Protein backbone atom coordinates (compact mmCIF):
# COMPACT_ATOMS: atom_id res chain seq x y z
CA MET A 1 0.00 0.00 0.00
CA GLY A 2 1.27 3.51 -0.60
CA GLY A 3 1.34 6.52 -2.89
CA LEU A 4 1.68 6.17 -6.63
CA LYS A 5 5.07 6.78 -8.26
CA LYS A 6 5.68 8.99 -11.34
CA PRO A 7 2.82 10.00 -13.72
CA ASP A 8 0.23 7.23 -13.66
CA ALA A 9 -3.21 6.61 -15.02
CA SER A 10 -5.02 8.42 -12.24
CA SER A 11 -2.83 11.55 -12.27
CA LEU A 12 -2.92 11.83 -16.08
CA PHE A 13 -6.66 11.30 -16.07
CA ASN A 14 -7.22 14.03 -13.45
CA LEU A 15 -4.85 16.45 -15.21
CA VAL A 16 -6.90 16.26 -18.40
CA ALA A 17 -10.10 16.57 -16.40
CA ARG A 18 -8.87 19.73 -14.62
CA ARG A 19 -8.01 21.27 -17.99
CA GLY A 20 -11.67 21.12 -18.82
CA GLY A 21 -11.89 18.26 -21.29
CA ALA A 22 -15.07 16.93 -19.72
CA ARG A 23 -16.77 20.29 -19.07
CA LYS A 24 -16.51 21.68 -22.60
CA GLU A 25 -17.87 18.59 -24.34
CA PRO A 26 -21.02 16.74 -23.45
CA ALA A 27 -19.18 13.43 -23.87
CA VAL A 28 -16.42 12.41 -21.49
CA SER A 29 -14.26 10.75 -24.15
CA PRO A 30 -11.63 13.54 -24.34
CA ARG A 31 -10.67 12.82 -20.75
CA PHE A 32 -10.57 9.11 -21.33
CA GLN A 33 -8.58 9.34 -24.55
CA ALA A 34 -5.57 10.57 -22.59
CA LEU A 35 -5.32 7.10 -21.08
CA ASP A 36 -4.47 5.67 -24.50
CA LEU A 37 -1.09 7.40 -24.14
CA LEU A 38 -0.14 4.95 -21.39
CA ALA A 39 1.59 1.63 -21.98
CA THR A 40 -0.11 0.04 -18.97
CA LEU A 41 -3.59 -1.51 -18.96
CA VAL A 42 -6.17 0.98 -17.68
CA ALA A 43 -9.92 0.93 -17.07
CA VAL A 44 -12.19 3.59 -15.59
CA VAL A 45 -15.06 2.02 -13.64
CA ASP A 46 -17.83 3.11 -11.36
CA HIS A 47 -17.94 2.02 -7.72
CA GLN A 48 -19.75 -1.19 -8.71
CA GLY A 49 -17.04 -2.17 -11.19
CA LYS A 50 -18.97 -1.32 -14.37
CA VAL A 51 -16.46 -0.33 -17.08
CA LEU A 52 -16.88 3.24 -18.30
CA TYR A 53 -13.74 3.19 -20.44
CA ALA A 54 -10.94 0.76 -21.36
CA ASN A 55 -7.74 1.95 -23.03
CA ALA A 56 -6.26 0.41 -26.18
CA VAL A 57 -3.62 -1.62 -24.33
CA LEU A 58 -6.30 -3.28 -22.18
CA GLU A 59 -8.23 -4.14 -25.35
CA ASP A 60 -5.17 -5.89 -26.76
CA ALA A 61 -4.42 -7.73 -23.53
CA LEU A 62 -7.96 -9.06 -23.12
CA GLY A 63 -8.41 -9.81 -26.82
CA MET A 64 -11.73 -7.93 -26.76
CA SER A 65 -12.95 -4.73 -28.38
CA ARG A 66 -13.50 -1.59 -26.32
CA ARG A 67 -17.19 -1.69 -27.18
CA SER A 68 -17.61 -5.18 -25.71
CA ILE A 69 -15.66 -4.28 -22.57
CA THR A 70 -17.57 -1.04 -21.90
CA GLY A 71 -20.57 -1.66 -19.68
CA ALA A 72 -19.31 -5.04 -18.43
CA ASN A 73 -18.14 -5.67 -14.88
CA LEU A 74 -14.36 -5.46 -14.66
CA GLN A 75 -14.41 -8.05 -11.86
CA ASP A 76 -15.37 -10.67 -14.45
CA CYS A 77 -12.01 -10.11 -16.17
CA PHE A 78 -10.11 -11.43 -13.13
CA THR A 79 -9.68 -14.99 -11.92
CA GLU A 80 -10.40 -13.75 -8.37
CA PRO A 81 -13.08 -11.07 -8.73
CA VAL A 82 -13.50 -10.72 -4.98
CA LEU A 83 -10.19 -8.84 -4.73
CA LEU A 84 -11.43 -6.04 -6.97
CA ASP A 85 -14.80 -6.09 -5.21
CA ASN A 86 -13.03 -5.45 -1.90
CA ALA A 87 -10.92 -2.68 -3.43
CA LEU A 88 -14.00 -0.94 -4.87
CA GLN A 89 -15.73 -1.23 -1.50
CA GLY A 90 -12.73 0.51 0.07
CA ALA A 91 -12.94 3.23 -2.57
CA ARG A 92 -16.63 3.75 -1.84
CA ASP A 93 -15.84 4.11 1.87
CA ASN A 94 -12.88 6.45 1.20
CA GLU A 95 -10.51 4.07 2.99
CA PHE A 96 -7.54 4.89 0.72
CA ALA A 97 -6.30 7.14 -2.06
CA ALA A 98 -4.60 4.26 -3.89
CA LEU A 99 -4.57 0.52 -3.24
CA ARG A 100 -2.17 -2.05 -4.73
CA TYR A 101 -2.44 -5.82 -5.00
CA ASP A 102 -1.45 -8.70 -7.31
CA ALA A 103 -3.99 -10.58 -9.42
CA HIS A 104 -4.46 -12.61 -12.60
CA LEU A 105 -6.29 -11.17 -15.61
CA ARG A 106 -8.39 -13.47 -17.81
CA ARG A 107 -7.56 -13.24 -21.54
CA LEU A 108 -9.61 -14.50 -24.45
CA ASN A 109 -7.96 -17.62 -25.92
CA HIS A 110 -4.84 -17.06 -23.79
CA ASP A 111 -3.49 -18.06 -20.41
CA SER A 112 -4.22 -15.69 -17.54
CA LEU A 113 -1.88 -12.70 -17.25
CA PRO A 114 -0.32 -11.93 -13.83
CA VAL A 115 -0.67 -8.21 -13.14
CA HIS A 116 0.05 -5.72 -10.39
CA VAL A 117 -3.20 -3.77 -9.87
CA VAL A 118 -3.41 -0.16 -8.70
CA VAL A 119 -6.88 1.08 -7.72
CA ALA A 120 -7.10 4.86 -7.36
CA GLN A 121 -10.05 7.15 -6.74
CA ASN A 122 -10.71 9.79 -9.36
CA GLU A 123 -11.61 13.38 -8.57
CA ASN A 124 -14.92 12.88 -10.34
CA ALA A 125 -17.33 11.37 -7.84
CA GLY A 126 -18.29 7.81 -8.61
CA GLU A 127 -15.30 7.01 -10.81
CA VAL A 128 -12.35 4.78 -10.03
CA VAL A 129 -9.22 4.28 -12.14
CA VAL A 130 -7.90 0.70 -12.24
CA GLU A 131 -4.37 0.41 -13.63
CA MET A 132 -2.86 -3.02 -14.35
CA LEU A 133 0.89 -3.45 -14.82
CA PRO A 134 1.87 -6.85 -16.26
CA GLN A 135 4.27 -8.43 -13.79
CA GLU A 136 6.51 -9.61 -16.62
CA GLN A 137 7.00 -5.94 -17.48
CA GLN A 138 7.75 -5.13 -13.86
CA THR A 139 10.26 -8.01 -13.72
CA ARG A 140 11.85 -6.76 -16.95
CA GLN A 141 12.29 -3.26 -15.53
CA GLU A 142 13.92 -4.69 -12.42
CA ARG A 143 16.22 -6.81 -14.60
CA GLU A 144 17.19 -3.75 -16.63
CA ALA A 145 17.99 -1.83 -13.45
CA ARG A 146 20.26 -4.67 -12.34
CA LEU A 147 21.98 -4.72 -15.74
CA LEU A 148 22.68 -0.99 -15.53
CA ASP A 149 24.04 -1.27 -12.00
CA GLN A 150 26.19 -4.25 -12.99
CA ALA A 151 27.51 -2.44 -16.05
CA GLN A 152 28.53 0.58 -13.99
CA ALA A 153 30.24 -1.62 -11.41
CA ASN A 154 31.96 -3.58 -14.20
CA LYS A 155 33.20 -0.38 -15.80
CA GLU A 156 34.83 0.81 -12.58
CA LEU A 157 36.25 -2.65 -11.84
CA ILE A 158 37.73 -3.00 -15.34
CA ARG A 159 39.28 0.45 -15.33
CA ASN A 160 40.87 0.07 -11.90
CA LEU A 161 42.02 -3.50 -12.48
CA ALA A 162 43.53 -2.68 -15.87
CA HIS A 163 45.56 0.19 -14.46
CA GLU A 164 46.75 -1.93 -11.54
CA ILE A 165 47.91 -4.66 -13.94
CA LYS A 166 49.45 -2.30 -16.50
CA ASN A 167 52.12 -0.73 -14.27
CA PRO A 168 53.83 -3.91 -12.91
CA LEU A 169 53.39 -5.62 -16.29
CA GLY A 170 55.70 -3.14 -17.96
CA GLY A 171 58.29 -3.75 -15.27
CA ILE A 172 58.08 -7.52 -15.66
CA ARG A 173 58.53 -7.30 -19.43
CA GLY A 174 61.43 -4.87 -19.15
CA ALA A 175 63.20 -7.00 -16.55
CA ALA A 176 62.80 -10.11 -18.74
CA GLN A 177 64.31 -8.27 -21.72
CA LEU A 178 67.30 -7.14 -19.66
CA LEU A 179 67.77 -10.64 -18.28
CA GLN A 180 67.63 -12.12 -21.79
CA MET A 181 70.47 -9.83 -22.90
CA GLU A 182 72.69 -11.21 -20.13
CA LEU A 183 71.97 -14.90 -20.76
CA GLN A 184 74.09 -17.12 -23.00
CA ALA A 185 72.31 -20.49 -22.64
CA LYS A 186 69.66 -20.96 -25.32
CA GLU A 187 67.36 -22.97 -23.02
CA LEU A 188 67.34 -20.12 -20.49
CA ILE A 189 66.59 -17.55 -23.19
CA GLU A 190 63.50 -19.58 -24.10
CA TYR A 191 62.20 -19.01 -20.56
CA THR A 192 62.63 -15.22 -20.83
CA GLN A 193 60.90 -15.29 -24.20
CA VAL A 194 57.95 -17.04 -22.58
CA ILE A 195 57.80 -14.27 -19.96
CA ILE A 196 57.93 -11.55 -22.65
CA HIS A 197 55.31 -13.30 -24.80
CA GLU A 198 52.89 -13.72 -21.87
CA ALA A 199 53.49 -10.14 -20.76
CA ASP A 200 52.58 -8.97 -24.27
CA ARG A 201 49.44 -11.12 -24.23
CA LEU A 202 48.36 -9.60 -20.93
CA GLN A 203 49.16 -6.13 -22.25
CA SER A 204 46.89 -6.78 -25.23
CA LEU A 205 44.12 -7.87 -22.86
CA VAL A 206 44.56 -4.73 -20.74
CA ASP A 207 44.43 -2.56 -23.86
CA ARG A 208 41.12 -4.18 -24.85
CA LEU A 209 39.75 -3.57 -21.37
CA LEU A 210 40.66 0.10 -21.52
CA ALA A 211 39.71 0.66 -25.17
CA PRO A 212 36.10 1.86 -24.60
CA HIS A 213 37.28 4.44 -22.07
CA ARG A 214 40.18 5.73 -24.17
CA ARG A 215 38.60 6.01 -27.59
CA PRO A 216 36.73 9.28 -28.23
CA HIS A 217 33.01 9.07 -28.97
CA VAL A 218 32.74 10.02 -32.68
CA VAL A 219 29.15 11.08 -33.30
CA GLY A 220 27.50 11.22 -36.71
CA ASP A 221 24.38 10.08 -38.55
CA VAL A 222 23.98 6.30 -38.32
CA ASN A 223 21.95 4.07 -40.62
CA ILE A 224 21.47 0.88 -38.63
CA HIS A 225 21.09 -1.22 -41.77
CA GLU A 226 24.49 -0.12 -43.02
CA VAL A 227 25.83 -1.31 -39.67
CA CYS A 228 24.05 -4.66 -40.08
CA GLU A 229 25.28 -5.12 -43.64
CA ARG A 230 28.88 -4.44 -42.60
CA VAL A 231 28.61 -7.03 -39.82
CA ARG A 232 26.91 -9.51 -42.14
CA SER A 233 29.71 -9.27 -44.72
CA LEU A 234 32.41 -9.72 -42.05
CA ILE A 235 30.70 -12.78 -40.55
CA LEU A 236 30.09 -14.44 -43.92
CA ALA A 237 33.71 -13.81 -44.90
CA GLU A 238 34.87 -15.70 -41.79
CA PHE A 239 32.19 -18.42 -42.00
CA PRO A 240 31.57 -18.83 -45.74
CA ARG A 241 29.99 -22.31 -45.56
CA GLY A 242 27.25 -23.82 -43.42
CA LEU A 243 25.99 -20.48 -42.02
CA LYS A 244 23.10 -18.40 -43.33
CA VAL A 245 22.74 -14.79 -42.15
CA VAL A 246 19.12 -13.73 -42.71
CA ARG A 247 18.08 -10.10 -43.16
CA ASP A 248 14.76 -9.09 -41.57
CA TYR A 249 14.82 -5.30 -41.75
CA ASP A 250 12.26 -2.57 -41.16
CA THR A 251 13.53 -0.08 -43.73
CA SER A 252 11.39 2.74 -42.28
CA ILE A 253 13.73 3.10 -39.29
CA PRO A 254 15.21 6.63 -39.38
CA GLU A 255 18.86 7.53 -39.00
CA PHE A 256 20.00 8.60 -35.56
CA ARG A 257 23.03 10.24 -34.02
CA GLY A 258 25.68 7.83 -32.81
CA ASP A 259 29.17 6.38 -33.18
CA ARG A 260 28.98 4.13 -36.23
CA GLU A 261 32.23 2.26 -35.54
CA GLN A 262 31.27 1.53 -31.94
CA LEU A 263 27.91 0.16 -33.04
CA ILE A 264 29.53 -1.99 -35.73
CA GLN A 265 31.87 -3.40 -33.07
CA ALA A 266 29.00 -4.03 -30.63
CA VAL A 267 26.85 -5.86 -33.22
CA LEU A 268 29.90 -7.72 -34.54
CA ASN A 269 30.86 -8.95 -31.06
CA ILE A 270 27.36 -10.35 -30.49
CA THR A 271 27.08 -11.88 -33.97
CA HIS A 272 30.58 -13.37 -33.83
CA ASN A 273 29.75 -14.99 -30.48
CA ALA A 274 26.60 -16.42 -32.05
CA ALA A 275 28.56 -17.82 -35.02
CA GLN A 276 31.09 -19.46 -32.71
CA ALA A 277 28.28 -21.02 -30.66
CA LEU A 278 26.88 -22.48 -33.89
CA ALA A 279 29.99 -24.58 -34.63
CA GLU A 280 28.10 -27.90 -34.68
CA ARG A 281 25.27 -26.55 -36.82
CA ILE A 282 27.76 -24.96 -39.22
CA GLU A 283 29.30 -28.41 -39.70
CA ALA A 284 25.81 -29.80 -40.31
CA GLY A 285 25.11 -26.96 -42.76
CA ASP A 286 21.95 -25.61 -41.09
CA ALA A 287 23.30 -22.77 -38.93
CA ARG A 288 21.28 -19.56 -39.07
CA ILE A 289 21.67 -16.05 -37.65
CA THR A 290 18.88 -13.51 -38.15
CA LEU A 291 19.49 -9.77 -38.03
CA ARG A 292 16.08 -8.21 -37.33
CA THR A 293 15.31 -4.50 -36.95
CA ARG A 294 12.08 -3.07 -35.60
CA VAL A 295 10.75 0.17 -34.12
CA GLY A 296 9.55 -0.10 -30.53
CA ARG A 297 7.03 2.42 -29.25
CA GLN A 298 6.57 3.77 -25.74
CA LEU A 299 9.40 1.67 -24.30
CA THR A 300 11.02 2.08 -20.91
CA PHE A 301 14.67 1.11 -20.46
CA GLY A 302 17.64 2.62 -18.74
CA LYS A 303 15.18 4.11 -16.20
CA GLN A 304 13.71 6.36 -18.91
CA ARG A 305 10.70 6.19 -21.17
CA TYR A 306 11.13 6.68 -24.92
CA ARG A 307 8.48 7.39 -27.52
CA LEU A 308 10.45 5.51 -30.19
CA ALA A 309 13.39 3.11 -29.92
CA LEU A 310 15.39 0.88 -32.20
CA GLU A 311 15.08 -2.84 -31.51
CA LEU A 312 17.92 -4.75 -33.17
CA HIS A 313 17.74 -8.51 -32.65
CA VAL A 314 20.60 -10.94 -33.27
CA ILE A 315 18.93 -14.36 -33.21
CA ASP A 316 20.68 -17.71 -33.66
CA ASN A 317 19.49 -21.31 -33.70
CA GLY A 318 22.32 -22.60 -31.53
CA PRO A 319 22.36 -24.53 -28.24
CA GLY A 320 21.58 -21.50 -26.09
CA VAL A 321 23.48 -19.79 -23.31
CA PRO A 322 24.52 -22.23 -20.54
CA ASP A 323 22.35 -21.86 -17.45
CA SER A 324 25.49 -21.55 -15.31
CA ILE A 325 26.38 -18.17 -16.85
CA LYS A 326 23.00 -16.80 -18.01
CA ASP A 327 22.90 -14.16 -15.31
CA ARG A 328 26.55 -13.21 -15.78
CA ILE A 329 27.10 -13.11 -19.54
CA PHE A 330 27.76 -9.35 -19.53
CA PHE A 331 30.33 -9.64 -16.73
CA PRO A 332 33.95 -9.20 -17.83
CA LEU A 333 36.00 -12.40 -18.33
CA VAL A 334 32.88 -14.63 -18.26
CA SER A 335 32.77 -16.89 -21.32
CA GLY A 336 30.84 -20.01 -22.26
CA ARG A 337 33.50 -21.05 -24.76
CA ASP A 338 36.90 -22.61 -24.13
CA GLY A 339 39.56 -20.06 -24.96
CA GLY A 340 37.15 -17.14 -25.00
CA SER A 341 38.28 -13.88 -23.40
CA GLY A 342 34.85 -13.06 -21.98
CA LEU A 343 35.17 -9.44 -23.15
CA GLY A 344 33.02 -9.36 -26.31
CA LEU A 345 29.64 -8.91 -24.65
CA THR A 346 31.04 -6.65 -21.93
CA LEU A 347 32.44 -4.26 -24.55
CA ALA A 348 29.23 -4.49 -26.62
CA GLN A 349 27.15 -3.51 -23.60
CA THR A 350 29.50 -0.61 -22.87
CA PHE A 351 29.31 0.71 -26.45
CA VAL A 352 25.50 0.45 -26.52
CA GLN A 353 25.15 2.16 -23.15
CA GLN A 354 27.22 5.05 -24.48
CA HIS A 355 24.26 5.50 -26.87
CA HIS A 356 21.85 5.55 -23.87
CA GLY A 357 20.79 2.02 -24.82
CA LEU A 358 20.80 -1.47 -23.40
CA ILE A 359 21.38 -5.06 -24.51
CA GLU A 360 19.07 -7.83 -23.28
CA CYS A 361 19.28 -11.57 -23.80
CA GLU A 362 16.62 -14.28 -23.94
CA SER A 363 17.93 -17.80 -24.51
CA VAL A 364 16.53 -21.31 -24.67
CA PRO A 365 18.00 -24.38 -26.40
CA GLY A 366 17.52 -23.83 -30.12
CA GLU A 367 17.17 -20.04 -30.00
CA THR A 368 19.13 -17.19 -28.45
CA ASP A 369 17.97 -13.61 -28.96
CA PHE A 370 20.23 -10.68 -28.12
CA LYS A 371 18.18 -7.47 -28.35
CA ILE A 372 19.83 -4.06 -28.65
CA LEU A 373 17.65 -1.12 -27.61
CA ILE A 374 18.66 2.43 -28.60
CA PRO A 375 16.48 5.58 -28.41
CA LEU A 376 15.38 7.06 -31.74
CA PRO A 377 14.68 10.74 -32.43
């Protein structure tokens, strides 16, 4: 129980009402139409639960038209109608300003949808706003918040660790070189060469760790399909047989401001990982990676809401991400492949976040979907 956070259905509804939408017109639809701007499921009901208005998202979720919902009892749309009955009783008795509880929404020809319900009294007497937030959406927002926190912690860890390694590494390499100059025995020189070679390998790793923080952010107009085509040509050049890279583009996606080279590297890292995970299917000749672009509307990620956003999917038909590392795949030095550095996805996430975006992953055996989200103008 508690006050509502950020602009919600009730506050938006009342704002439009105060501006006179209902008073100037005999119909109340102008007030209600504002609720179609929300991405959550919203109904306006009377104190008995009779639906006065249902927004477009609720229509889609229930699989019913607005006309058929209007006039029905909203309680009938829940698997446990008594919970809403009790909430409406509390609204009638002015027991609360806003009440929250969890419930399951019935859907036509679908399984029930778990939702977090917010019941709020409206300023207009006899009206109650019922807002339903799908719990999968709430879980997704919590997961995104964890990803952002992890990425920030990873960034600081990488930067500090790389600098701590870099300083003594130069001393080790220099000392090995000096020692090699003093040695006469060939077998002893081989040992110093091993030290120098391994020091160089570690130096290369440190340079890769620091690369995103050193390289300036070069901003220009980016066509995401040019990025995809560049990545596609690079992947097919490395894996010319047994792998099909499918284009599934929405060509209406506008250009946006960004660092083209960083985005190429981010998409390439993800796609290259996918190709390597498809080794067995490449041998069988049925490996497939799909590059899919779409426009998402009214999306919330990175703790902000965006009217339009790019959704770039890199989908493969491989074995899936191992369960043991699913929650840690964006951590540095975590790899599901023998010999992998575990830096590809970490750097990809860093590059995308520099564009105010986020990378998500959904994986089951037979399909792994990495989704890049970037705000569009």
